[in-house]
Protein backbone atom coordinates (compact mmCIF):
# COMPACT_ATOMS: atom_id res chain seq x y z
CA LEU A 1 60.68 172.27 184.18
CA GLU A 2 62.29 168.71 184.11
CA MET A 3 64.71 167.44 186.44
CA ALA A 4 67.40 164.85 185.53
CA GLY A 5 66.17 161.04 186.09
CA ALA A 6 69.20 160.21 186.77
CA ALA A 7 69.15 162.01 190.00
CA LYS A 8 69.24 160.03 193.10
CA GLY A 9 65.52 158.95 193.98
CA ALA A 10 63.86 160.87 191.00
CA LEU A 11 62.37 157.51 189.18
CA ARG A 12 59.68 155.16 190.43
CA PRO A 13 56.87 153.18 189.09
CA GLY A 14 54.17 155.49 187.94
CA ARG A 15 56.15 158.48 187.35
CA ARG A 16 55.82 160.50 184.05
CA VAL A 17 59.16 160.72 182.07
CA ARG A 18 60.08 162.73 179.00
CA ILE A 19 62.56 160.47 176.84
CA ASP A 20 65.94 161.95 175.74
CA GLY A 21 69.72 161.39 174.30
CA LEU A 22 68.74 158.19 172.38
CA GLN A 23 70.95 157.47 169.93
CA LYS A 24 69.78 154.48 167.97
CA ARG A 25 66.06 155.53 168.01
CA PRO A 26 66.22 159.41 167.94
CA GLU A 27 62.46 159.55 166.67
CA LEU A 28 61.78 158.86 170.19
CA ASN A 29 63.40 161.53 171.79
CA GLY A 30 60.88 163.83 173.11
CA THR A 31 58.28 161.57 173.34
CA LEU A 32 56.78 160.90 177.11
CA GLY A 33 56.21 157.87 178.93
CA LYS A 34 54.77 155.86 182.01
CA ILE A 35 57.62 153.63 184.50
CA VAL A 36 56.20 150.52 184.96
CA ARG A 37 59.00 149.12 186.99
CA LEU A 38 62.78 148.85 187.21
CA GLU A 39 63.88 145.47 185.47
CA ASP A 40 67.94 144.37 186.06
CA GLU A 41 68.81 148.37 186.62
CA ARG A 42 66.87 149.82 183.62
CA TRP A 43 63.53 151.40 183.60
CA LEU A 44 60.48 149.31 181.94
CA VAL A 45 58.51 152.54 180.39
CA LYS A 46 55.18 152.68 178.79
CA VAL A 47 55.57 155.17 176.29
CA ASP A 48 52.44 157.12 175.06
CA GLY A 49 50.75 155.47 171.78
CA ARG A 50 53.48 152.76 171.56
CA GLY A 51 54.34 150.07 173.66
CA GLU A 52 56.83 149.07 176.58
CA MET A 53 60.43 149.94 176.19
CA SER A 54 63.41 149.26 178.92
CA LEU A 55 65.23 152.20 178.73
CA SER A 56 68.76 153.58 180.49
CA ALA A 57 68.10 155.92 183.89
CA ALA A 58 70.14 158.47 182.06
CA ASN A 59 67.99 158.96 179.19
CA LEU A 60 64.70 159.23 181.63
CA PHE A 61 63.96 162.84 182.66
CA VAL A 62 60.95 163.22 184.99
CA VAL A 63 58.12 165.51 184.45
CA ALA A 64 58.03 167.90 186.96
CA GLY A 65 56.19 171.03 185.74
CA GLU A 66 54.08 172.13 182.42
CA GLU A 67 55.19 173.18 179.11
CA PRO A 68 52.98 174.17 176.31
CA GLU A 69 54.29 170.78 174.67
CA MET A 70 53.69 169.15 178.33
CA LYS A 71 50.84 169.29 180.51
CA ARG A 72 50.93 166.13 182.39
CA ALA A 73 49.66 166.59 185.80
CA ARG A 74 50.88 165.89 188.98
CA PHE A 75 50.82 167.16 192.87
CA ALA A 76 53.27 169.06 194.74
CA GLN A 77 53.36 166.58 198.18
CA GLU A 78 53.53 169.21 200.66
CA ASP A 79 50.07 168.48 201.74
CA ALA A 80 50.90 165.48 202.39
CA ALA A 81 53.78 165.75 203.92
CA GLY A 82 52.67 165.02 207.62
CA LYS A 83 51.28 161.94 206.60
CA LYS A 84 54.09 160.47 204.17
CA SER A 85 56.86 160.77 206.70
CA SER A 86 55.47 158.05 209.31
CA LYS A 87 54.61 155.59 205.60
CA ASP A 88 57.70 156.22 204.35
CA THR A 89 59.75 155.44 207.70
CA GLY A 90 57.64 152.00 207.65
CA SER A 91 58.11 151.43 203.91
CA SER A 92 62.11 151.77 204.91
CA ALA A 93 62.40 149.40 207.42
CA GLU A 94 60.14 146.93 205.46
CA VAL A 95 62.33 147.02 202.81
CA GLN A 96 65.39 146.87 204.94
CA GLU A 97 64.77 144.00 207.02
CA ASP A 98 63.38 141.92 203.65
CA SER A 99 66.95 142.53 201.89
CA GLU A 100 68.97 140.22 203.57
CA GLU A 101 66.54 137.78 201.32
CA ASP A 102 67.84 138.09 197.41
CA GLU A 103 64.37 137.01 196.36
CA ASP A 104 61.99 139.21 198.39
CA SER A 105 64.37 142.80 198.32
CA GLU A 106 63.52 143.63 194.54
CA GLU A 107 59.80 142.63 195.07
CA ALA A 108 59.51 144.77 198.53
CA ALA A 109 61.29 147.49 197.21
CA ALA A 110 58.70 147.89 194.45
CA GLU A 111 55.88 148.01 196.90
CA ALA A 112 57.10 150.78 198.82
CA LYS A 113 57.66 152.72 195.34
CA LEU A 114 54.22 152.27 194.34
CA GLU A 115 53.01 152.90 198.07
CA ASP A 116 54.78 156.34 197.75
CA GLU A 117 53.02 157.25 194.56
CA ASP A 118 49.79 156.28 195.81
CA GLU A 119 50.46 158.66 198.52
CA GLU A 120 51.14 161.22 195.82
CA LYS A 121 47.34 161.92 195.08
CA PRO A 122 44.81 162.37 198.34
CA GLN A 123 42.36 160.23 199.58
CA HIS A 124 39.08 159.46 198.02
CA SER A 125 40.35 159.86 194.67
CA CYS A 126 42.24 158.27 191.37
CA TRP A 127 43.58 158.69 188.28
CA ALA A 128 41.40 159.59 185.96
CA GLU A 129 43.76 157.82 182.97
CA ASP A 130 43.25 154.63 185.22
CA VAL A 131 39.48 154.25 184.62
CA THR A 132 38.63 155.98 181.56
CA THR A 133 38.08 153.89 178.51
CA ILE A 134 37.00 154.84 175.04
CA ARG A 135 35.21 152.27 172.77
CA MET A 136 33.99 151.96 169.34
CA ILE A 137 31.20 149.62 168.37
CA LYS A 138 29.92 149.07 164.62
CA GLY A 139 26.85 147.57 163.66
CA GLY A 140 25.93 143.70 164.94
CA ALA A 141 25.31 141.84 167.80
CA GLY A 142 27.36 140.54 170.58
CA ASP A 143 31.19 140.84 171.04
CA LYS A 144 31.67 141.38 167.23
CA SER A 145 30.21 144.44 167.45
CA GLU A 146 33.35 146.03 169.40
CA VAL A 147 35.94 147.06 166.43
CA GLY A 148 38.44 148.94 169.11
CA ARG A 149 39.04 150.27 172.90
CA PHE A 150 41.70 152.44 173.75
CA THR A 151 42.24 154.67 176.53
CA PRO A 152 42.74 158.60 176.09
CA LEU A 153 46.45 159.66 176.16
CA PHE A 154 45.70 162.85 177.53
CA THR A 155 42.92 163.00 180.36
CA HIS A 156 44.66 166.03 182.20
CA GLN A 157 42.88 168.22 179.69
CA VAL A 158 39.51 167.08 180.68
CA PHE A 159 39.79 166.64 184.18
CA TYR A 160 41.13 169.61 186.28
CA THR A 161 40.38 172.25 188.79
CA PRO A 162 40.47 175.71 187.25
CA GLY A 163 43.08 177.78 188.58
CA ASP A 164 44.92 174.60 190.23
CA VAL A 165 47.42 174.19 187.70
CA LEU A 166 50.99 174.91 187.89
CA ASP A 167 52.72 178.20 189.15
CA ALA A 168 55.48 179.19 187.03
CA ASP A 169 57.34 180.84 190.03
CA GLU A 170 56.60 178.34 192.80
CA ASN A 171 56.75 175.08 190.65
CA LYS A 172 53.85 173.77 192.18
CA ARG A 173 50.51 172.19 191.34
CA THR A 174 47.09 170.59 192.80
CA HIS A 175 44.40 168.87 191.92
CA GLN A 176 44.20 167.64 188.13
CA GLU A 177 44.11 164.55 186.48
CA LEU A 178 41.75 163.23 189.14
CA ILE A 179 38.42 161.91 189.80
CA ILE A 180 37.43 162.77 193.50
CA GLY A 181 34.66 161.76 195.62
CA TYR A 182 33.92 158.07 194.23
CA GLU A 183 34.49 153.99 195.36
CA GLU A 184 36.04 152.28 192.34
CA PRO A 185 34.83 154.53 189.84
CA THR A 186 34.71 153.71 186.03
CA LEU A 187 33.85 155.75 182.95
CA GLU A 188 33.58 154.69 179.42
CA ILE A 189 33.22 156.55 176.34
CA VAL A 190 30.98 154.23 173.54
CA TYR A 191 31.03 155.41 170.05
CA ALA A 192 29.21 154.30 167.01
CA ALA A 193 32.03 153.80 165.06
CA ASN A 194 30.32 155.19 161.47
CA SER A 195 28.73 158.38 162.76
CA LEU A 196 30.78 158.80 166.02
CA LYS A 197 27.62 159.32 168.17
CA ALA A 198 28.61 158.48 171.89
CA PHE A 199 27.14 157.66 175.18
CA ILE A 200 29.01 158.64 178.49
CA ASP A 201 28.80 155.70 180.74
CA PHE A 202 29.78 156.34 184.23
CA ARG A 203 29.44 153.74 187.49
CA LYS A 204 30.86 153.66 190.60
CA LYS A 205 30.60 151.42 193.90
CA THR A 206 29.58 154.52 195.65
CA GLU A 207 29.68 157.96 196.23
CA VAL A 208 32.27 159.12 199.05
CA GLU A 209 30.80 161.09 202.08
CA THR A 210 30.58 164.83 201.50
CA LYS A 211 32.03 165.26 204.86
CA LEU A 212 34.79 163.28 204.58
CA LEU A 213 35.62 165.47 201.17
CA LYS A 214 35.29 168.55 203.22
CA ARG A 215 37.44 167.50 206.00
CA ASP A 216 40.47 167.12 203.49
CA ASN A 217 39.25 170.20 201.67
CA LEU A 218 38.29 168.28 198.60
CA SER A 219 35.48 168.56 195.68
CA ARG A 220 33.73 165.96 193.86
CA THR A 221 34.45 165.71 190.52
CA SER A 222 31.54 166.47 188.08
CA ILE A 223 32.13 163.74 185.55
CA LEU A 224 29.31 164.88 183.09
CA ASN A 225 30.18 168.50 183.53
CA CYS A 226 33.75 168.14 182.75
CA LEU A 227 32.89 166.27 179.82
CA HIS A 228 30.34 168.24 178.26
CA LYS A 229 32.34 171.83 178.76
CA ARG A 230 35.60 170.95 177.81
CA VAL A 231 34.85 167.65 175.46
CA PRO A 232 31.73 168.94 174.02
CA MET A 233 29.39 167.01 171.80
CA ASP A 234 25.72 165.69 171.09
CA TYR A 235 25.87 162.72 173.71
CA ALA A 236 22.97 160.42 173.71
CA THR A 237 21.37 159.62 177.15
CA LYS A 238 21.41 156.21 176.59
CA LEU A 239 23.73 153.37 175.22
CA SER A 240 21.03 151.63 172.91
CA ALA A 241 20.99 155.13 171.26
CA VAL A 242 24.51 154.33 170.01
CA GLN A 243 24.09 151.01 169.23
CA SER A 244 20.71 151.82 167.15
CA GLU A 245 22.83 154.51 165.01
CA ALA A 246 25.68 151.67 164.05
CA ASP A 247 23.51 149.57 163.02
CA THR A 248 21.54 152.43 160.93
CA PRO A 249 22.96 152.41 157.11
CA PHE A 250 25.35 154.95 157.14
CA THR A 251 26.50 157.37 154.27
CA PRO A 252 29.98 159.26 154.60
CA ILE A 253 29.76 162.81 154.06
CA GLY A 254 31.59 164.53 151.25
CA THR A 255 33.35 162.89 148.01
CA LEU A 256 34.38 160.05 147.68
CA ARG A 257 38.69 160.62 146.72
CA GLU A 258 40.39 157.50 146.99
CA GLU A 259 38.87 153.41 147.39
CA GLU A 260 41.60 150.79 148.17
CA GLN A 261 40.19 146.68 148.41
CA LEU A 262 41.70 144.68 150.95
CA GLU A 263 42.60 140.76 150.84
CA ASP A 264 40.11 140.23 153.29
CA GLY A 265 37.17 141.50 151.44
CA SER A 266 36.61 144.91 153.26
CA SER A 267 37.64 148.34 151.80
CA LEU A 268 39.42 151.69 152.36
CA GLN A 269 37.55 154.89 151.25
CA ILE A 270 38.61 158.09 151.83
CA PHE A 271 36.63 161.51 151.55
CA HIS A 272 36.56 165.01 151.62
CA PHE A 273 33.93 167.15 152.54
CA ILE A 274 34.31 171.26 153.64
CA ALA A 275 32.87 171.96 157.18
CA ASP A 276 30.09 174.83 156.02
CA ASN A 277 27.05 172.98 156.46
CA PRO A 278 24.71 171.61 159.84
CA GLU A 279 25.37 167.91 158.51
CA ALA A 280 29.06 168.10 158.55
CA VAL A 281 29.59 170.73 161.45
CA LYS A 282 27.66 167.77 163.25
CA LEU A 283 30.20 165.21 162.27
CA VAL A 284 33.55 167.25 163.12
CA ASN A 285 32.03 168.85 166.59
CA ARG A 286 31.68 164.65 166.88
CA MET A 287 35.54 163.84 165.63
CA GLN A 288 37.02 166.40 167.52
CA THR A 289 36.45 164.84 170.94
CA PHE A 290 39.34 162.79 169.74
CA ALA A 291 41.25 165.73 169.77
CA VAL A 292 41.05 166.89 172.80
CA TRP A 293 41.67 163.11 174.47
CA LEU A 294 44.91 162.31 171.72
CA ILE A 295 46.53 165.83 170.97
CA GLU A 296 48.67 167.41 173.66
CA THR A 297 47.29 170.72 174.35
CA GLY A 298 44.63 169.76 171.90
CA GLN A 299 41.70 171.64 171.23
CA ALA A 300 38.56 172.02 168.82
CA ILE A 301 38.71 173.75 165.81
CA GLU A 302 35.80 176.38 165.10
CA VAL A 303 33.03 175.43 162.52
CA PRO A 304 31.06 176.38 160.43
CA ASP A 305 34.66 177.76 158.38
CA PRO A 306 34.17 177.35 154.28
CA ASN A 307 38.37 177.25 154.53
CA TRP A 308 38.26 173.63 156.89
CA ASN A 309 39.24 170.94 154.62
CA ILE A 310 38.11 167.61 156.27
CA PHE A 311 39.67 164.50 154.96
CA THR A 312 37.83 161.36 156.39
CA LEU A 313 39.06 157.09 156.30
CA TYR A 314 36.60 154.50 156.55
CA ARG A 315 37.38 150.98 156.55
CA VAL A 316 33.94 149.54 154.68
CA GLU A 317 32.84 145.80 155.40
CA LYS A 318 29.73 143.93 154.46
CA GLY A 319 27.63 142.65 157.16
CA ALA A 320 24.06 140.86 157.63
CA ASP A 321 21.88 141.53 154.22
CA ASN A 322 25.20 142.53 152.63
CA GLN A 323 24.78 146.14 154.70
CA ALA A 324 27.73 148.23 154.44
CA LEU A 325 29.61 149.07 158.00
CA HIS A 326 31.64 151.74 157.90
CA THR A 327 33.98 152.30 160.92
CA MET A 328 36.15 155.52 160.88
CA LEU A 329 39.96 154.78 160.95
CA GLY A 330 41.16 158.60 161.37
CA PHE A 331 40.87 162.07 159.99
CA TYR A 332 42.98 164.66 158.88
CA THR A 333 42.01 168.75 158.71
CA ALA A 334 43.64 171.34 156.70
CA HIS A 335 43.04 175.05 156.40
CA ARG A 336 43.06 177.25 153.55
CA TYR A 337 44.15 180.66 153.58
CA TRP A 338 45.05 183.21 150.85
CA ALA A 339 48.63 183.30 149.44
CA TYR A 340 50.44 185.86 147.73
CA ASP A 341 52.45 185.12 144.57
CA LYS A 342 55.20 187.70 144.30
CA GLU A 343 56.53 186.58 141.06
CA LYS A 344 52.69 187.52 139.64
CA ASN A 345 52.58 190.06 142.09
CA GLU A 346 48.85 188.68 142.52
CA LEU A 347 46.81 187.81 145.53
CA ASP A 348 44.65 184.31 143.72
CA LYS A 349 46.26 181.34 145.17
CA PHE A 350 45.75 179.40 148.23
CA ARG A 351 48.00 177.52 150.62
CA LEU A 352 46.73 174.42 152.72
CA ARG A 353 47.78 173.48 156.17
CA LEU A 354 47.05 170.24 157.70
CA SER A 355 46.08 170.95 161.60
CA GLN A 356 44.96 168.26 163.01
CA CYS A 357 46.25 164.43 162.04
CA ILE A 358 44.87 161.61 163.92
CA ILE A 359 44.30 158.19 163.60
CA LEU A 360 42.94 156.32 166.26
CA PRO A 361 44.84 154.06 168.65
CA PRO A 362 43.48 150.68 167.46
CA PHE A 363 44.34 151.28 164.35
CA GLN A 364 47.74 153.15 164.01
CA SER A 365 50.95 150.83 162.50
CA GLN A 366 48.54 150.11 159.64
CA GLY A 367 50.30 152.71 157.15
CA HIS A 368 46.91 154.87 157.50
CA GLY A 369 48.60 158.09 158.26
CA ALA A 370 50.48 157.91 155.29
CA ARG A 371 47.13 157.04 153.24
CA LEU A 372 45.79 159.91 154.21
CA LEU A 373 48.69 162.48 153.96
CA ARG A 374 48.85 161.13 149.97
CA ALA A 375 45.49 161.90 149.62
CA PHE A 376 45.66 165.09 151.00
CA TYR A 377 48.24 165.92 148.44
CA GLN A 378 46.54 164.65 145.41
CA PHE A 379 43.98 166.84 146.32
CA GLY A 380 46.04 169.95 146.61
CA ARG A 381 47.48 169.22 143.11
CA ASP A 382 44.15 168.71 141.74
CA ASP A 383 43.47 171.92 142.71
CA ALA A 384 44.90 174.84 140.38
CA SER A 385 44.28 177.39 142.95
CA VAL A 386 46.59 175.56 145.76
CA MET A 387 50.22 176.78 145.45
CA ASP A 388 51.71 174.71 148.60
CA MET A 389 50.82 172.49 151.03
CA SER A 390 52.58 172.05 154.88
CA VAL A 391 52.27 170.98 158.08
CA GLU A 392 51.66 172.59 161.22
CA ASP A 393 53.84 171.69 163.83
CA PRO A 394 54.39 168.31 163.29
CA SER A 395 55.72 165.94 165.84
CA SER A 396 59.13 164.14 164.88
CA GLU A 397 57.09 160.65 164.08
CA PHE A 398 54.88 162.82 162.31
CA GLN A 399 57.87 164.21 160.34
CA THR A 400 59.23 160.99 159.87
CA MET A 401 56.32 159.51 158.28
CA ARG A 402 55.78 162.66 156.64
CA ASP A 403 59.18 162.68 155.02
CA ILE A 404 59.24 158.94 154.08
CA THR A 405 55.98 159.38 152.17
CA ASP A 406 57.04 162.05 150.30
CA MET A 407 60.46 160.66 149.32
CA ARG A 408 58.28 157.56 148.02
CA LEU A 409 55.97 159.96 146.02
CA ALA A 410 59.13 160.93 144.36
CA GLN A 411 60.46 158.21 143.95
CA THR A 412 57.38 157.08 141.38
CA GLU A 413 58.53 159.67 138.82
CA LYS A 414 61.57 158.79 137.13
CA GLY A 415 65.14 160.88 137.70
CA ALA A 416 62.81 162.60 140.43
CA ILE A 417 65.57 161.43 143.59
CA ALA A 418 68.49 161.96 141.36
CA THR A 419 66.98 165.55 141.22
CA LEU A 420 66.38 166.06 144.73
CA ALA A 421 69.55 165.33 145.52
CA ASN A 422 71.48 167.49 142.39
CA ALA A 423 69.00 170.72 144.18
CA CYS A 424 70.97 170.41 147.90
CA GLY A 425 71.83 173.65 148.71
CA ARG A 426 70.47 175.05 145.21
CA PHE A 427 68.00 177.49 146.25
CA GLU A 428 66.68 178.20 142.43
CA ASP A 429 66.24 174.78 141.69
CA LEU A 430 64.88 173.90 145.53
CA ALA A 431 62.32 176.63 144.34
CA GLN A 432 61.07 175.35 141.01
CA LEU A 433 60.37 171.62 142.52
CA ALA A 434 58.81 172.87 145.39
CA ALA A 435 56.09 174.77 142.56
CA GLN A 436 56.32 171.36 140.71
CA PHE A 437 55.31 169.42 143.74
CA LYS A 438 53.37 172.07 145.59
CA LEU A 439 55.43 171.43 148.57
CA CYS A 440 56.48 174.33 150.87
CA ARG A 441 59.92 175.01 150.44
CA PRO A 442 61.07 174.10 154.12
CA GLN A 443 60.10 170.79 153.21
CA MET A 444 61.96 170.51 149.84
CA VAL A 445 64.89 171.27 151.42
CA ARG A 446 64.85 168.49 153.92
CA LEU A 447 64.12 166.25 150.88
CA SER A 448 66.90 167.38 148.79
CA LEU A 449 69.26 166.41 152.14
CA ILE A 450 67.33 163.07 152.37
CA ALA A 451 68.14 162.14 148.94
CA LYS A 452 71.58 163.00 148.81
CA PHE A 453 71.92 161.03 151.91
CA VAL A 454 70.27 157.91 149.99
CA GLU A 455 72.10 159.05 146.57
CA LEU A 456 75.84 158.66 148.63
CA GLN A 457 73.99 155.68 150.50
CA LEU A 458 74.90 157.51 153.79
CA ALA A 459 72.84 154.80 155.71
CA ASP A 460 75.62 152.78 155.31
CA PRO A 461 78.06 152.69 157.96
CA LYS A 462 80.69 151.46 155.39
CA ALA A 463 80.43 154.58 153.41
CA ASP A 464 83.91 156.39 153.01
CA PRO A 465 83.65 159.76 155.30
CA GLU A 466 86.64 161.59 152.99
CA ARG A 467 84.70 161.79 150.09
CA PRO A 468 84.30 165.06 148.98
CA ALA A 469 80.28 164.99 148.24
CA ILE A 470 79.90 163.89 151.89
CA THR A 471 82.28 166.62 153.24
CA ARG A 472 80.28 169.14 151.36
CA LEU A 473 76.85 167.55 152.22
CA ARG A 474 77.93 167.89 156.39
CA LEU A 475 78.68 171.52 155.56
CA ASP A 476 75.15 172.07 154.15
CA ILE A 477 74.04 170.82 157.38
CA LYS A 478 76.23 172.92 159.45
CA GLN A 479 74.88 175.89 157.74
CA MET A 480 71.36 174.97 158.35
CA CYS A 481 71.79 174.78 162.02
CA TYR A 482 73.80 177.88 161.88
CA LYS A 483 70.90 179.52 160.13
CA GLU A 484 68.51 178.27 162.66
CA MET A 485 70.21 179.14 165.55
CA ILE A 486 70.92 182.89 164.39
CA ILE A 487 67.35 183.25 163.59
CA LYS A 488 66.12 182.36 166.88
CA ALA A 489 68.42 184.23 168.64
CA ARG A 490 67.30 187.31 166.41
CA GLY A 491 64.10 186.68 168.39
CA ARG A 492 62.07 185.26 165.65
CA ILE A 493 59.64 182.12 166.02
CA THR A 494 59.94 179.70 162.65
CA CYS A 495 56.49 178.99 163.22
CA SER A 496 55.09 178.50 159.52
CA ASP A 497 56.54 176.65 157.02
CA ASP A 498 56.29 179.68 154.25
CA ASP A 499 58.69 182.39 156.39
CA ASP A 500 59.22 185.41 154.22
CA GLU A 501 62.90 185.07 154.74
CA SER A 502 62.68 181.76 153.36
CA GLU A 503 62.46 183.68 149.59
CA LYS A 504 66.18 184.84 150.09
CA LYS A 505 68.32 181.76 150.83
CA PRO A 506 67.51 177.96 151.06
CA GLN A 507 68.98 177.71 154.83
CA ASP A 508 66.43 180.44 155.75
CA SER A 509 64.07 178.36 154.14
CA ALA A 510 65.36 175.24 156.35
CA ALA A 511 65.02 176.91 159.67
CA ALA A 512 61.81 177.41 159.06
CA GLY A 513 61.00 173.63 158.61
CA GLY A 514 61.81 172.75 162.47
CA ARG A 515 59.45 172.34 165.13
CA ARG A 516 57.56 175.24 165.39
CA ALA A 517 55.26 177.13 168.07
CA GLY A 518 52.01 177.64 165.79
CA ALA A 519 51.72 181.29 166.39
CA SER A 520 50.84 182.62 163.51
CA SER A 521 48.89 179.86 162.56
CA ALA A 522 46.83 180.30 166.26
CA LYS A 523 45.82 184.00 165.48
CA ARG A 524 44.37 182.34 161.76
CA LYS A 525 42.28 179.83 163.74
CA LYS A 526 41.08 180.46 166.99
CA GLY A 527 41.42 177.66 169.49
CA GLN A 528 44.17 175.82 168.27
CA SER A 529 47.04 177.12 170.43
CA ALA A 530 46.72 176.05 174.15
CA ALA A 531 47.97 179.49 175.30
CA ASP A 532 44.43 180.73 174.45
CA GLY A 533 42.75 179.14 177.01
CA SER A 534 39.03 177.67 177.20
CA ASP A 535 35.98 179.20 175.84
CA SER A 536 34.71 177.99 178.72
CA GLU A 537 34.86 181.38 181.62
CA ASP A 538 35.38 178.70 184.32
CA ASP A 539 39.00 177.85 182.17
CA ASP A 540 39.98 181.31 182.31
CA ASP A 541 42.50 180.63 185.10
CA PHE A 542 43.52 177.80 183.89
CA GLY A 543 44.17 179.48 180.03
CA LYS A 544 46.24 182.42 181.84
CA ASN A 545 48.14 179.74 183.57
CA VAL A 546 49.10 178.27 180.80
CA LYS A 547 49.98 181.65 178.70
CA LYS A 548 52.24 182.66 182.12
CA ILE A 549 54.36 179.34 181.77
CA ALA A 550 54.19 179.74 178.10
CA GLU A 551 56.29 183.36 178.80
CA VAL A 552 58.44 181.76 181.20
CA GLU A 553 59.87 179.37 178.77
CA MET A 554 59.93 181.70 176.22
CA GLU A 555 62.02 184.18 178.10
CA LYS A 556 64.43 180.94 178.72
CA THR A 557 64.69 179.44 175.55
CA MET A 558 65.58 183.15 174.52
CA ALA A 559 67.94 183.45 177.55
CA ALA A 560 69.85 180.28 176.23
CA LEU A 561 69.80 181.40 172.83
CA HIS A 562 71.42 184.68 173.62
CA LEU A 563 75.19 183.40 172.82
CA TRP A 564 74.46 183.46 169.36
CA SER A 565 74.53 187.30 169.51
CA LYS A 566 77.15 189.55 168.41
CA GLY A 567 78.03 189.05 172.38
CA GLY A 568 77.69 185.41 172.99
CA ASP A 569 80.77 182.86 173.72
CA GLU A 570 82.67 181.71 170.40
CA GLU A 571 83.59 178.36 172.07
CA GLN A 572 79.98 177.90 173.37
CA ARG A 573 78.80 178.61 169.77
CA LYS A 574 80.90 175.68 168.25
CA THR A 575 79.77 173.36 171.09
CA ALA A 576 76.03 174.41 170.72
CA LEU A 577 76.37 173.41 166.71
CA ARG A 578 78.06 170.77 167.08
CA GLU A 579 75.50 168.99 169.10
CA ALA A 580 72.81 170.64 166.72
CA PHE A 581 74.78 169.18 163.92
CA ALA A 582 74.89 165.57 165.22
CA VAL A 583 71.23 165.31 165.97
CA LYS A 584 70.11 166.61 162.78
CA TYR A 585 72.75 164.52 160.60
CA LYS A 586 71.19 161.36 162.92
CA GLU A 587 67.75 162.37 161.99
CA PHE A 588 68.40 162.66 158.26
CA ALA A 589 70.51 159.52 158.44
CA THR A 590 67.75 157.55 160.11
CA ILE A 591 64.98 158.85 157.54
CA ALA A 592 67.08 157.64 154.44
CA ALA A 593 67.80 154.29 156.01
CA LYS A 594 64.15 153.49 156.30
CA PHE A 595 63.23 154.65 153.06
CA CYS A 596 66.24 152.80 151.66
CA GLU A 597 64.49 149.35 153.68
């Protein structure tokens, strides 16, 4: 469902692309972005959740389809083929005519490409991401009341026509991520920064005549209907109601777990509460709107449920009359479920699994994610009924932050890093450390390997590759990769940190710690998987299509991994193992280098 960006004519401004094959920044592999323009034979790409980066075409892959992890909408160009042919001819002629002048040729080519991109959507429409903004305000007046403004990452999860999604067989898609039927529309969702009360502010210059839409077989997008169905909450009917809410004294829900004073006089506070009462449910439902806007295939959790633990992070400032002004910076949600203790043969313990980890874009890259993660760990370790803690299907960026945070927490205990390094490859020692830190065993395997890298100073490029300890570590990583491939080839999806097979060998544990499909947890928590579709009847077709795509992708994955079965080709196995080892080795070395900074 991807086509290589290096293919002729594949890359152009406005295209959605996936980044892959980076050697110096492996943590960016798999992330999505949008091409801005061509600069000196390299493409300037706006990476989701990050800034702009200059990348080679060999590292860019055009998103041409829909995956469970990637639902970026684009159209098949067949409907506009007749209109496009004449315009393309004119654009090419213009570029060729201007090519004699070096200063004008690049500009003309860029304009031609942008014109082509505009033709991918029908008339009287615009991309939802280009006109949608989320704004947060706090108590106060004027410009000072705004504390943050950002563009949602995944508007295609809100603005789409049910049934008009990618066909897994024909590889087509039609109207998605579009706002149709308005001239110069703008959509701004204004949140009260404390209670997250919100108001929908939709404006347009005028509406396109209905007969013009019918002529092009289009229907007008119902903005309010899309938002109320797919991003439901108790929206305010007036903007003044949100401002009034922001001005009202606010008391966070739950128990204060941590508080940190900042140099500017403000403070950071972390609260914990259970989503089992009406007040908590109302706040959680408001928080869940960010899950749809900011998490790929994100959907709301079901509340009330006494097993949902919510951790919120606020910045508290002093306003007029010494009034405390709260701004929510982010939140974590964790699900609690029974765990069977094999040693005691009892079912009296719980596991905590992080499900949603969101720091709002204006407040990212400030250490708030690690701050919430430490509070989550401390909560689990203070609760005697919690056996261990894990994370459901972490992204590569979150996994890196998680590894470094875990290593820094271990560093606070004398000799813990050396103990982790010595436990590398020793199942019994790792099991004891997992019980001590209350972390799942696959994560302990990762930490032990990272600790070994730190101990051997593998982050230093001058390290001697002939040292026996390094050779032993390389073999451990290869064995981990091999076990992971074998497990997948047997048709097992490593979807949870606490895989039963992890009880047998540490290599099985390590395999379970990779990126997972989240299938088992989705059964426990309805609505967490994109394959479950929407609760709305109007969204049933969309959910069915996503399920079909997931099944097709799973078949392709299992076919690719067939070589690890008994009938697989040995040379292909060696090649696949070398590639997997190179990725894993660089990943651990990069994390060790960041930890040592």
